[in-house]
């Protein structure tokens, strides 16, 4: 009797749903951003700075990037799980990507709120 090799930790529905929810959030943000950008009186630094000066756009932009990073994490993790067979290499790649995404999140926060 041959036992099937099961990979992963039952991510399934949670990650599938997470990818869809983050995709919807990113699409919604894109529409809001495009509308706000088109409504600017002029394409200048002051106008763009004013658009992001309000708390709503800062928070929406931060939420967009957090959604993007989670979306990317799930996708890259699944690719690594499917195509990188040596466990040590896969773990190292997971750790590298995770630290990069956390660093990018900090960078976004710093840019948006000038910490």
PDB file of N, CA and C in Angstrom:
ATOM      1  N   UNK A   1       0.841  -1.180   0.000  1.00  0.00           N
ATOM      2  CA  UNK A   1       0.000   0.000   0.000  1.00  0.00           C
ATOM      3  C   UNK A   1       0.885   1.241   0.000  1.00  0.00           C
ATOM      4  N   UNK A   2       0.565   2.191  -0.860  1.00  0.00           N
ATOM      5  CA  UNK A   2       1.327   3.427  -0.973  1.00  0.00           C
ATOM      6  C   UNK A   2       0.578   4.521  -0.221  1.00  0.00           C
ATOM      7  N   UNK A   3       1.304   5.177   0.709  1.00  0.00           N
ATOM      8  CA  UNK A   3       0.709   6.282   1.455  1.00  0.00           C
ATOM      9  C   UNK A   3       0.930   7.583   0.686  1.00  0.00           C
ATOM     10  N   UNK A   4      -0.104   8.401   0.577  1.00  0.00           N
ATOM     11  CA  UNK A   4       0.093   9.686  -0.096  1.00  0.00           C
ATOM     12  C   UNK A   4       0.944  10.617   0.773  1.00  0.00           C
ATOM     13  N   UNK A   5       1.789  11.406   0.126  1.00  0.00           N
ATOM     14  CA  UNK A   5       2.633  12.361   0.832  1.00  0.00           C
ATOM     15  C   UNK A   5       1.860  13.669   0.967  1.00  0.00           C
ATOM     16  N   UNK A   6       1.522  14.038   2.188  1.00  0.00           N
ATOM     17  CA  UNK A   6       0.735  15.236   2.442  1.00  0.00           C
ATOM     18  C   UNK A   6       1.683  16.351   2.862  1.00  0.00           C
ATOM     19  N   UNK A   7       1.582  17.481   2.163  1.00  0.00           N
ATOM     20  CA  UNK A   7       2.447  18.622   2.421  1.00  0.00           C
ATOM     21  C   UNK A   7       1.597  19.762   2.953  1.00  0.00           C
ATOM     22  N   UNK A   8       2.154  20.540   3.869  1.00  0.00           N
ATOM     23  CA  UNK A   8       1.453  21.722   4.352  1.00  0.00           C
ATOM     24  C   UNK A   8       0.797  21.474   5.694  1.00  0.00           C
ATOM     25  N   UNK A   9       0.136  22.509   6.171  1.00  0.00           N
ATOM     26  CA  UNK A   9      -0.487  22.441   7.487  1.00  0.00           C
ATOM     27  C   UNK A   9      -1.958  22.823   7.397  1.00  0.00           C
ATOM     28  N   UNK A  10      -2.636  22.343   6.386  1.00  0.00           N
ATOM     29  CA  UNK A  10      -4.080  22.563   6.212  1.00  0.00           C
ATOM     30  C   UNK A  10      -4.417  24.044   6.102  1.00  0.00           C
ATOM     31  N   UNK A  11      -3.684  24.766   5.257  1.00  0.00           N
ATOM     32  CA  UNK A  11      -3.943  26.191   5.088  1.00  0.00           C
ATOM     33  C   UNK A  11      -5.246  26.396   4.324  1.00  0.00           C
ATOM     34  N   UNK A  12      -5.410  25.684   3.266  1.00  0.00           N
ATOM     35  CA  UNK A  12      -6.616  25.612   2.461  1.00  0.00           C
ATOM     36  C   UNK A  12      -7.525  26.809   2.424  1.00  0.00           C
ATOM     37  N   UNK A  13      -8.686  26.670   3.024  1.00  0.00           N
ATOM     38  CA  UNK A  13      -9.748  27.667   2.927  1.00  0.00           C
ATOM     39  C   UNK A  13      -9.328  29.018   3.493  1.00  0.00           C
ATOM     40  N   UNK A  14      -8.645  29.016   4.620  1.00  0.00           N
ATOM     41  CA  UNK A  14      -8.240  30.279   5.254  1.00  0.00           C
ATOM     42  C   UNK A  14      -7.371  31.101   4.304  1.00  0.00           C
ATOM     43  N   UNK A  15      -6.389  30.485   3.692  1.00  0.00           N
ATOM     44  CA  UNK A  15      -5.511  31.224   2.799  1.00  0.00           C
ATOM     45  C   UNK A  15      -6.189  31.560   1.474  1.00  0.00           C
ATOM     46  N   UNK A  16      -7.033  30.671   0.978  1.00  0.00           N
ATOM     47  CA  UNK A  16      -7.785  30.960  -0.236  1.00  0.00           C
ATOM     48  C   UNK A  16      -8.661  32.191  -0.007  1.00  0.00           C
ATOM     49  N   UNK A  17      -9.372  32.210   1.125  1.00  0.00           N
ATOM     50  CA  UNK A  17     -10.227  33.337   1.463  1.00  0.00           C
ATOM     51  C   UNK A  17      -9.396  34.593   1.709  1.00  0.00           C
ATOM     52  N   UNK A  18      -8.264  34.442   2.379  1.00  0.00           N
ATOM     53  CA  UNK A  18      -7.384  35.580   2.630  1.00  0.00           C
ATOM     54  C   UNK A  18      -6.894  36.218   1.346  1.00  0.00           C
ATOM     55  N   UNK A  19      -6.549  35.390   0.362  1.00  0.00           N
ATOM     56  CA  UNK A  19      -6.110  35.925  -0.932  1.00  0.00           C
ATOM     57  C   UNK A  19      -7.246  36.699  -1.609  1.00  0.00           C
ATOM     58  N   UNK A  20      -8.461  36.188  -1.533  1.00  0.00           N
ATOM     59  CA  UNK A  20      -9.593  36.874  -2.174  1.00  0.00           C
ATOM     60  C   UNK A  20      -9.930  38.173  -1.467  1.00  0.00           C
ATOM     61  N   UNK A  21      -9.932  38.155  -0.147  1.00  0.00           N
ATOM     62  CA  UNK A  21     -10.258  39.367   0.618  1.00  0.00           C
ATOM     63  C   UNK A  21      -9.202  40.444   0.371  1.00  0.00           C
ATOM     64  N   UNK A  22      -7.916  40.065   0.408  1.00  0.00           N
ATOM     65  CA  UNK A  22      -6.871  41.056   0.171  1.00  0.00           C
ATOM     66  C   UNK A  22      -6.938  41.582  -1.265  1.00  0.00           C
ATOM     67  N   UNK A  23      -7.287  40.730  -2.218  1.00  0.00           N
ATOM     68  CA  UNK A  23      -7.416  41.189  -3.605  1.00  0.00           C
ATOM     69  C   UNK A  23      -8.543  42.210  -3.728  1.00  0.00           C
ATOM     70  N   UNK A  24      -9.660  41.971  -3.056  1.00  0.00           N
ATOM     71  CA  UNK A  24     -10.782  42.909  -3.093  1.00  0.00           C
ATOM     72  C   UNK A  24     -10.381  44.232  -2.437  1.00  0.00           C
ATOM     73  N   UNK A  25      -9.685  44.159  -1.292  1.00  0.00           N
ATOM     74  CA  UNK A  25      -9.240  45.384  -0.619  1.00  0.00           C
ATOM     75  C   UNK A  25      -8.284  46.186  -1.502  1.00  0.00           C
ATOM     76  N   UNK A  26      -7.372  45.493  -2.179  1.00  0.00           N
ATOM     77  CA  UNK A  26      -6.429  46.194  -3.052  1.00  0.00           C
ATOM     78  C   UNK A  26      -7.139  46.809  -4.255  1.00  0.00           C
ATOM     79  N   UNK A  27      -8.123  46.115  -4.807  1.00  0.00           N
ATOM     80  CA  UNK A  27      -8.881  46.659  -5.937  1.00  0.00           C
ATOM     81  C   UNK A  27      -9.689  47.879  -5.500  1.00  0.00           C
ATOM     82  N   UNK A  28     -10.317  47.803  -4.328  1.00  0.00           N
ATOM     83  CA  UNK A  28     -11.085  48.931  -3.811  1.00  0.00           C
ATOM     84  C   UNK A  28     -10.180  50.137  -3.574  1.00  0.00           C
ATOM     85  N   UNK A  29      -9.015  49.904  -2.987  1.00  0.00           N
ATOM     86  CA  UNK A  29      -8.068  50.995  -2.762  1.00  0.00           C
ATOM     87  C   UNK A  29      -7.640  51.616  -4.097  1.00  0.00           C
ATOM     88  N   UNK A  30      -7.413  50.792  -5.099  1.00  0.00           N
ATOM     89  CA  UNK A  30      -6.997  51.301  -6.402  1.00  0.00           C
ATOM     90  C   UNK A  30      -8.041  52.246  -6.976  1.00  0.00           C
ATOM     91  N   UNK A  31      -9.310  51.905  -6.827  1.00  0.00           N
ATOM     92  CA  UNK A  31     -10.390  52.773  -7.306  1.00  0.00           C
ATOM     93  C   UNK A  31     -10.407  54.084  -6.511  1.00  0.00           C
ATOM     94  N   UNK A  32     -10.301  53.996  -5.187  1.00  0.00           N
ATOM     95  CA  UNK A  32     -10.301  55.193  -4.336  1.00  0.00           C
ATOM     96  C   UNK A  32      -9.097  56.074  -4.666  1.00  0.00           C
ATOM     97  N   UNK A  33      -7.934  55.459  -4.800  1.00  0.00           N
ATOM     98  CA  UNK A  33      -6.718  56.205  -5.110  1.00  0.00           C
ATOM     99  C   UNK A  33      -6.835  56.895  -6.469  1.00  0.00           C
ATOM    100  N   UNK A  34      -7.315  56.174  -7.465  1.00  0.00           N
ATOM    101  CA  UNK A  34      -7.448  56.751  -8.808  1.00  0.00           C
ATOM    102  C   UNK A  34      -8.426  57.925  -8.790  1.00  0.00           C
ATOM    103  N   UNK A  35      -9.545  57.763  -8.093  1.00  0.00           N
ATOM    104  CA  UNK A  35     -10.525  58.849  -8.000  1.00  0.00           C
ATOM    105  C   UNK A  35      -9.900  60.080  -7.356  1.00  0.00           C
ATOM    106  N   UNK A  36      -9.217  59.876  -6.218  1.00  0.00           N
ATOM    107  CA  UNK A  36      -8.581  61.002  -5.523  1.00  0.00           C
ATOM    108  C   UNK A  36      -7.498  61.651  -6.375  1.00  0.00           C
ATOM    109  N   UNK A  37      -6.717  60.849  -7.074  1.00  0.00           N
ATOM    110  CA  UNK A  37      -5.653  61.398  -7.918  1.00  0.00           C
ATOM    111  C   UNK A  37      -6.232  62.200  -9.072  1.00  0.00           C
ATOM    112  N   UNK A  38      -7.317  61.717  -9.660  1.00  0.00           N
ATOM    113  CA  UNK A  38      -7.937  62.446 -10.772  1.00  0.00           C
ATOM    114  C   UNK A  38      -8.630  63.728 -10.309  1.00  0.00           C
ATOM    115  N   UNK A  39      -9.012  63.791  -9.058  1.00  0.00           N
ATOM    116  CA  UNK A  39      -9.681  64.975  -8.530  1.00  0.00           C
ATOM    117  C   UNK A  39      -8.704  66.038  -8.018  1.00  0.00           C
ATOM    118  N   UNK A  40      -7.415  65.756  -8.074  1.00  0.00           N
ATOM    119  CA  UNK A  40      -6.435  66.753  -7.638  1.00  0.00           C
ATOM    120  C   UNK A  40      -6.498  67.965  -8.557  1.00  0.00           C
ATOM    121  N   UNK A  41      -6.377  69.162  -7.998  1.00  0.00           N
ATOM    122  CA  UNK A  41      -6.431  70.363  -8.833  1.00  0.00           C
ATOM    123  C   UNK A  41      -5.242  70.466  -9.787  1.00  0.00           C
ATOM    124  N   UNK A  42      -4.093  69.945  -9.367  1.00  0.00           N
ATOM    125  CA  UNK A  42      -2.902  69.957 -10.206  1.00  0.00           C
ATOM    126  C   UNK A  42      -2.002  68.802  -9.784  1.00  0.00           C
ATOM    127  N   UNK A  43      -1.139  68.404 -10.689  1.00  0.00           N
ATOM    128  CA  UNK A  43      -0.203  67.326 -10.384  1.00  0.00           C
ATOM    129  C   UNK A  43       1.101  67.924  -9.859  1.00  0.00           C
ATOM    130  N   UNK A  44       1.081  68.268  -8.574  1.00  0.00           N
ATOM    131  CA  UNK A  44       2.261  68.856  -7.948  1.00  0.00           C
ATOM    132  C   UNK A  44       2.537  68.117  -6.637  1.00  0.00           C
ATOM    133  N   UNK A  45       3.722  68.344  -6.118  1.00  0.00           N
ATOM    134  CA  UNK A  45       4.093  67.712  -4.849  1.00  0.00           C
ATOM    135  C   UNK A  45       3.133  68.139  -3.742  1.00  0.00           C
ATOM    136  N   UNK A  46       2.781  69.398  -3.725  1.00  0.00           N
ATOM    137  CA  UNK A  46       1.895  69.911  -2.670  1.00  0.00           C
ATOM    138  C   UNK A  46       0.522  69.242  -2.727  1.00  0.00           C
ATOM    139  N   UNK A  47       0.000  69.051  -3.939  1.00  0.00           N
ATOM    140  CA  UNK A  47      -1.315  68.415  -4.089  1.00  0.00           C
ATOM    141  C   UNK A  47      -1.255  66.954  -3.641  1.00  0.00           C
ATOM    142  N   UNK A  48      -0.202  66.233  -4.060  1.00  0.00           N
ATOM    143  CA  UNK A  48      -0.061  64.833  -3.652  1.00  0.00           C
ATOM    144  C   UNK A  48       0.157  64.728  -2.150  1.00  0.00           C
ATOM    145  N   UNK A  49       0.950  65.609  -1.615  1.00  0.00           N
ATOM    146  CA  UNK A  49       1.200  65.615  -0.172  1.00  0.00           C
ATOM    147  C   UNK A  49      -0.094  65.894   0.587  1.00  0.00           C
ATOM    148  N   UNK A  50      -0.894  66.818   0.049  1.00  0.00           N
ATOM    149  CA  UNK A  50      -2.182  67.110   0.676  1.00  0.00           C
ATOM    150  C   UNK A  50      -3.128  65.924   0.634  1.00  0.00           C
ATOM    151  N   UNK A  51      -3.084  65.170  -0.471  1.00  0.00           N
ATOM    152  CA  UNK A  51      -3.954  63.995  -0.580  1.00  0.00           C
ATOM    153  C   UNK A  51      -3.610  62.957   0.497  1.00  0.00           C
ATOM    154  N   UNK A  52      -2.327  62.782   0.751  1.00  0.00           N
ATOM    155  CA  UNK A  52      -1.909  61.811   1.756  1.00  0.00           C
ATOM    156  C   UNK A  52      -1.786  62.420   3.146  1.00  0.00           C
ATOM    157  N   UNK A  53      -2.054  63.700   3.274  1.00  0.00           N
ATOM    158  CA  UNK A  53      -1.970  64.367   4.576  1.00  0.00           C
ATOM    159  C   UNK A  53      -3.106  63.988   5.514  1.00  0.00           C
ATOM    160  N   UNK A  54      -4.233  63.614   4.952  1.00  0.00           N
ATOM    161  CA  UNK A  54      -5.374  63.232   5.780  1.00  0.00           C
ATOM    162  C   UNK A  54      -5.213  61.826   6.329  1.00  0.00           C
ATOM    163  N   UNK A  55      -5.781  61.587   7.459  1.00  0.00           N
ATOM    164  CA  UNK A  55      -5.656  60.283   8.113  1.00  0.00           C
ATOM    165  C   UNK A  55      -6.262  59.136   7.326  1.00  0.00           C
ATOM    166  N   UNK A  56      -7.338  59.422   6.576  1.00  0.00           N
ATOM    167  CA  UNK A  56      -7.998  58.339   5.837  1.00  0.00           C
ATOM    168  C   UNK A  56      -7.088  57.741   4.782  1.00  0.00           C
ATOM    169  N   UNK A  57      -6.474  58.591   3.950  1.00  0.00           N
ATOM    170  CA  UNK A  57      -5.621  58.075   2.880  1.00  0.00           C
ATOM    171  C   UNK A  57      -4.370  57.403   3.440  1.00  0.00           C
ATOM    172  N   UNK A  58      -3.842  57.922   4.533  1.00  0.00           N
ATOM    173  CA  UNK A  58      -2.690  57.264   5.158  1.00  0.00           C
ATOM    174  C   UNK A  58      -3.075  55.864   5.612  1.00  0.00           C
ATOM    175  N   UNK A  59      -4.200  55.764   6.310  1.00  0.00           N
ATOM    176  CA  UNK A  59      -4.633  54.460   6.802  1.00  0.00           C
ATOM    177  C   UNK A  59      -4.993  53.530   5.653  1.00  0.00           C
ATOM    178  N   UNK A  60      -5.703  54.047   4.644  1.00  0.00           N
ATOM    179  CA  UNK A  60      -6.082  53.218   3.500  1.00  0.00           C
ATOM    180  C   UNK A  60      -4.842  52.720   2.759  1.00  0.00           C
ATOM    181  N   UNK A  61      -3.850  53.585   2.626  1.00  0.00           N
ATOM    182  CA  UNK A  61      -2.612  53.182   1.959  1.00  0.00           C
ATOM    183  C   UNK A  61      -1.876  52.134   2.779  1.00  0.00           C
ATOM    184  N   UNK A  62      -1.826  52.322   4.084  1.00  0.00           N
ATOM    185  CA  UNK A  62      -1.182  51.328   4.950  1.00  0.00           C
ATOM    186  C   UNK A  62      -1.924  49.994   4.870  1.00  0.00           C
ATOM    187  N   UNK A  63      -3.252  50.033   4.881  1.00  0.00           N
ATOM    188  CA  UNK A  63      -4.054  48.815   4.758  1.00  0.00           C
ATOM    189  C   UNK A  63      -3.812  48.148   3.403  1.00  0.00           C
ATOM    190  N   UNK A  64      -3.676  48.939   2.353  1.00  0.00           N
ATOM    191  CA  UNK A  64      -3.361  48.401   1.031  1.00  0.00           C
ATOM    192  C   UNK A  64      -2.041  47.636   1.071  1.00  0.00           C
ATOM    193  N   UNK A  65      -1.019  48.255   1.638  1.00  0.00           N
ATOM    194  CA  UNK A  65       0.281  47.592   1.657  1.00  0.00           C
ATOM    195  C   UNK A  65       0.298  46.360   2.561  1.00  0.00           C
ATOM    196  N   UNK A  66      -0.419  46.388   3.676  1.00  0.00           N
ATOM    197  CA  UNK A  66      -0.492  45.196   4.524  1.00  0.00           C
ATOM    198  C   UNK A  66      -1.211  44.065   3.779  1.00  0.00           C
ATOM    199  N   UNK A  67      -2.253  44.414   3.031  1.00  0.00           N
ATOM    200  CA  UNK A  67      -2.954  43.423   2.209  1.00  0.00           C
ATOM    201  C   UNK A  67      -2.032  42.875   1.134  1.00  0.00           C
ATOM    202  N   UNK A  68      -1.268  43.764   0.509  1.00  0.00           N
ATOM    203  CA  UNK A  68      -0.328  43.343  -0.521  1.00  0.00           C
ATOM    204  C   UNK A  68       0.716  42.387   0.046  1.00  0.00           C
ATOM    205  N   UNK A  69       1.240  42.708   1.231  1.00  0.00           N
ATOM    206  CA  UNK A  69       2.281  41.866   1.823  1.00  0.00           C
ATOM    207  C   UNK A  69       1.721  40.506   2.243  1.00  0.00           C
ATOM    208  N   UNK A  70       0.510  40.480   2.794  1.00  0.00           N
ATOM    209  CA  UNK A  70      -0.093  39.191   3.152  1.00  0.00           C
ATOM    210  C   UNK A  70      -0.376  38.376   1.889  1.00  0.00           C
ATOM    211  N   UNK A  71      -0.904  39.039   0.882  1.00  0.00           N
ATOM    212  CA  UNK A  71      -1.208  38.386  -0.389  1.00  0.00           C
ATOM    213  C   UNK A  71       0.070  37.782  -0.981  1.00  0.00           C
ATOM    214  N   UNK A  72       1.132  38.562  -0.957  1.00  0.00           N
ATOM    215  CA  UNK A  72       2.417  38.079  -1.478  1.00  0.00           C
ATOM    216  C   UNK A  72       2.951  36.924  -0.633  1.00  0.00           C
ATOM    217  N   UNK A  73       2.830  37.030   0.686  1.00  0.00           N
ATOM    218  CA  UNK A  73       3.324  35.972   1.567  1.00  0.00           C
ATOM    219  C   UNK A  73       2.645  34.636   1.263  1.00  0.00           C
ATOM    220  N   UNK A  74       1.331  34.645   1.157  1.00  0.00           N
ATOM    221  CA  UNK A  74       0.598  33.405   0.885  1.00  0.00           C
ATOM    222  C   UNK A  74       1.004  32.835  -0.468  1.00  0.00           C
ATOM    223  N   UNK A  75       1.099  33.687  -1.473  1.00  0.00           N
ATOM    224  CA  UNK A  75       1.460  33.213  -2.800  1.00  0.00           C
ATOM    225  C   UNK A  75       2.874  32.654  -2.865  1.00  0.00           C
ATOM    226  N   UNK A  76       3.830  33.387  -2.317  1.00  0.00           N
ATOM    227  CA  UNK A  76       5.222  32.938  -2.357  1.00  0.00           C
ATOM    228  C   UNK A  76       5.406  31.691  -1.504  1.00  0.00           C
ATOM    229  N   UNK A  77       4.757  31.658  -0.346  1.00  0.00           N
ATOM    230  CA  UNK A  77       4.867  30.479   0.527  1.00  0.00           C
ATOM    231  C   UNK A  77       4.340  29.238  -0.186  1.00  0.00           C
ATOM    232  N   UNK A  78       3.228  29.377  -0.870  1.00  0.00           N
ATOM    233  CA  UNK A  78       2.669  28.233  -1.582  1.00  0.00           C
ATOM    234  C   UNK A  78       3.562  27.793  -2.741  1.00  0.00           C
ATOM    235  N   UNK A  79       4.156  28.754  -3.434  1.00  0.00           N
ATOM    236  CA  UNK A  79       5.088  28.404  -4.511  1.00  0.00           C
ATOM    237  C   UNK A  79       6.279  27.652  -3.945  1.00  0.00           C
ATOM    238  N   UNK A  80       6.836  28.159  -2.839  1.00  0.00           N
ATOM    239  CA  UNK A  80       7.968  27.463  -2.213  1.00  0.00           C
ATOM    240  C   UNK A  80       7.579  26.064  -1.765  1.00  0.00           C
ATOM    241  N   UNK A  81       6.385  25.916  -1.181  1.00  0.00           N
ATOM    242  CA  UNK A  81       5.951  24.604  -0.705  1.00  0.00           C
ATOM    243  C   UNK A  81       5.757  23.633  -1.862  1.00  0.00           C
ATOM    244  N   UNK A  82       5.327  24.144  -3.003  1.00  0.00           N
ATOM    245  CA  UNK A  82       5.086  23.274  -4.155  1.00  0.00           C
ATOM    246  C   UNK A  82       6.356  22.901  -4.906  1.00  0.00           C
ATOM    247  N   UNK A  83       7.313  23.821  -4.994  1.00  0.00           N
ATOM    248  CA  UNK A  83       8.428  23.610  -5.910  1.00  0.00           C
ATOM    249  C   UNK A  83       9.801  23.482  -5.256  1.00  0.00           C
ATOM    250  N   UNK A  84       9.960  23.851  -4.003  1.00  0.00           N
ATOM    251  CA  UNK A  84      11.251  23.706  -3.319  1.00  0.00           C
ATOM    252  C   UNK A  84      11.143  22.493  -2.399  1.00  0.00           C
ATOM    253  N   UNK A  85      11.772  21.409  -2.788  1.00  0.00           N
ATOM    254  CA  UNK A  85      11.624  20.159  -2.041  1.00  0.00           C
ATOM    255  C   UNK A  85      12.526  20.043  -0.810  1.00  0.00           C
ATOM    256  N   UNK A  86      13.795  20.471  -0.848  1.00  0.00           N
ATOM    257  CA  UNK A  86      14.622  20.356   0.361  1.00  0.00           C
ATOM    258  C   UNK A  86      14.075  21.250   1.481  1.00  0.00           C
ATOM    259  N   UNK A  87      13.782  20.656   2.614  1.00  0.00           N
ATOM    260  CA  UNK A  87      13.123  21.376   3.707  1.00  0.00           C
ATOM    261  C   UNK A  87      13.976  22.542   4.214  1.00  0.00           C
ATOM    262  N   UNK A  88      15.275  22.343   4.330  1.00  0.00           N
ATOM    263  CA  UNK A  88      16.151  23.404   4.826  1.00  0.00           C
ATOM    264  C   UNK A  88      16.177  24.621   3.913  1.00  0.00           C
ATOM    265  N   UNK A  89      16.246  24.380   2.620  1.00  0.00           N
ATOM    266  CA  UNK A  89      16.242  25.477   1.648  1.00  0.00           C
ATOM    267  C   UNK A  89      14.901  26.202   1.698  1.00  0.00           C
ATOM    268  N   UNK A  90      13.827  25.430   1.754  1.00  0.00           N
ATOM    269  CA  UNK A  90      12.483  26.030   1.808  1.00  0.00           C
ATOM    270  C   UNK A  90      12.315  26.873   3.067  1.00  0.00           C
ATOM    271  N   UNK A  91      12.775  26.382   4.205  1.00  0.00           N
ATOM    272  CA  UNK A  91      12.684  27.135   5.457  1.00  0.00           C
ATOM    273  C   UNK A  91      13.493  28.419   5.374  1.00  0.00           C
ATOM    274  N   UNK A  92      14.702  28.328   4.830  1.00  0.00           N
ATOM    275  CA  UNK A  92      15.536  29.516   4.691  1.00  0.00           C
ATOM    276  C   UNK A  92      14.862  30.555   3.809  1.00  0.00           C
ATOM    277  N   UNK A  93      14.281  30.126   2.701  1.00  0.00           N
ATOM    278  CA  UNK A  93      13.577  31.054   1.817  1.00  0.00           C
ATOM    279  C   UNK A  93      12.356  31.665   2.498  1.00  0.00           C
ATOM    280  N   UNK A  94      11.622  30.860   3.253  1.00  0.00           N
ATOM    281  CA  UNK A  94      10.473  31.383   4.005  1.00  0.00           C
ATOM    282  C   UNK A  94      10.917  32.480   4.973  1.00  0.00           C
ATOM    283  N   UNK A  95      11.975  32.217   5.706  1.00  0.00           N
ATOM    284  CA  UNK A  95      12.468  33.187   6.694  1.00  0.00           C
ATOM    285  C   UNK A  95      12.927  34.466   6.006  1.00  0.00           C
ATOM    286  N   UNK A  96      13.659  34.340   4.902  1.00  0.00           N
ATOM    287  CA  UNK A  96      14.138  35.522   4.175  1.00  0.00           C
ATOM    288  C   UNK A  96      12.965  36.362   3.685  1.00  0.00           C
ATOM    289  N   UNK A  97      11.996  35.720   3.046  1.00  0.00           N
ATOM    290  CA  UNK A  97      10.840  36.456   2.523  1.00  0.00           C
ATOM    291  C   UNK A  97      10.037  37.075   3.659  1.00  0.00           C
ATOM    292  N   UNK A  98       9.843  36.352   4.747  1.00  0.00           N
ATOM    293  CA  UNK A  98       9.091  36.889   5.883  1.00  0.00           C
ATOM    294  C   UNK A  98       9.766  38.119   6.464  1.00  0.00           C
ATOM    295  N   UNK A  99      11.081  38.065   6.667  1.00  0.00           N
ATOM    296  CA  UNK A  99      11.800  39.226   7.197  1.00  0.00           C
ATOM    297  C   UNK A  99      11.766  40.404   6.220  1.00  0.00           C
ATOM    298  N   UNK A 100      11.865  40.132   4.932  1.00  0.00           N
ATOM    299  CA  UNK A 100      11.772  41.205   3.944  1.00  0.00           C
ATOM    300  C   UNK A 100      10.399  41.878   4.001  1.00  0.00           C
ATOM    301  N   UNK A 101       9.332  41.080   4.061  1.00  0.00           N
ATOM    302  CA  UNK A 101       7.984  41.655   4.102  1.00  0.00           C
ATOM    303  C   UNK A 101       7.750  42.452   5.383  1.00  0.00           C
ATOM    304  N   UNK A 102       8.256  41.976   6.507  1.00  0.00           N
ATOM    305  CA  UNK A 102       8.138  42.733   7.763  1.00  0.00           C
ATOM    306  C   UNK A 102       8.919  44.039   7.661  1.00  0.00           C
ATOM    307  N   UNK A 103      10.112  43.974   7.073  1.00  0.00           N
ATOM    308  CA  UNK A 103      10.898  45.191   6.868  1.00  0.00           C
ATOM    309  C   UNK A 103      10.198  46.177   5.954  1.00  0.00           C
ATOM    310  N   UNK A 104       9.598  45.675   4.893  1.00  0.00           N
ATOM    311  CA  UNK A 104       8.858  46.552   3.987  1.00  0.00           C
ATOM    312  C   UNK A 104       7.677  47.200   4.699  1.00  0.00           C
ATOM    313  N   UNK A 105       7.018  46.467   5.577  1.00  0.00           N
ATOM    314  CA  UNK A 105       5.889  47.028   6.336  1.00  0.00           C
ATOM    315  C   UNK A 105       6.369  48.179   7.221  1.00  0.00           C
ATOM    316  N   UNK A 106       7.509  47.993   7.865  1.00  0.00           N
ATOM    317  CA  UNK A 106       8.076  49.070   8.671  1.00  0.00           C
ATOM    318  C   UNK A 106       8.453  50.273   7.825  1.00  0.00           C
ATOM    319  N   UNK A 107       8.975  50.018   6.646  1.00  0.00           N
ATOM    320  CA  UNK A 107       9.361  51.086   5.733  1.00  0.00           C
ATOM    321  C   UNK A 107       8.135  51.885   5.292  1.00  0.00           C
ATOM    322  N   UNK A 108       7.047  51.186   4.978  1.00  0.00           N
ATOM    323  CA  UNK A 108       5.804  51.865   4.586  1.00  0.00           C
ATOM    324  C   UNK A 108       5.295  52.744   5.723  1.00  0.00           C
ATOM    325  N   UNK A 109       5.312  52.203   6.956  1.00  0.00           N
ATOM    326  CA  UNK A 109       4.848  52.981   8.111  1.00  0.00           C
ATOM    327  C   UNK A 109       5.716  54.227   8.279  1.00  0.00           C
ATOM    328  N   UNK A 110       7.004  54.065   8.114  1.00  0.00           N
ATOM    329  CA  UNK A 110       7.911  55.205   8.266  1.00  0.00           C
ATOM    330  C   UNK A 110       7.634  56.273   7.210  1.00  0.00           C
ATOM    331  N   UNK A 111       7.411  55.863   5.983  1.00  0.00           N
ATOM    332  CA  UNK A 111       7.136  56.812   4.907  1.00  0.00           C
ATOM    333  C   UNK A 111       5.799  57.522   5.144  1.00  0.00           C
ATOM    334  N   UNK A 112       4.776  56.758   5.500  1.00  0.00           N
ATOM    335  CA  UNK A 112       3.446  57.354   5.646  1.00  0.00           C
ATOM    336  C   UNK A 112       3.342  58.287   6.841  1.00  0.00           C
ATOM    337  N   UNK A 113       3.976  57.913   7.943  1.00  0.00           N
ATOM    338  CA  UNK A 113       3.836  58.710   9.163  1.00  0.00           C
ATOM    339  C   UNK A 113       5.111  59.433   9.554  1.00  0.00           C
ATOM    340  N   UNK A 114       6.119  59.386   8.702  1.00  0.00           N
ATOM    341  CA  UNK A 114       7.379  60.083   8.933  1.00  0.00           C
ATOM    342  C   UNK A 114       7.927  59.869  10.341  1.00  0.00           C
ATOM    343  N   UNK A 115       8.049  58.605  10.714  1.00  0.00           N
ATOM    344  CA  UNK A 115       8.537  58.258  12.060  1.00  0.00           C
ATOM    345  C   UNK A 115      10.004  58.549  12.211  1.00  0.00           C
TER     346      UNK A 115
END
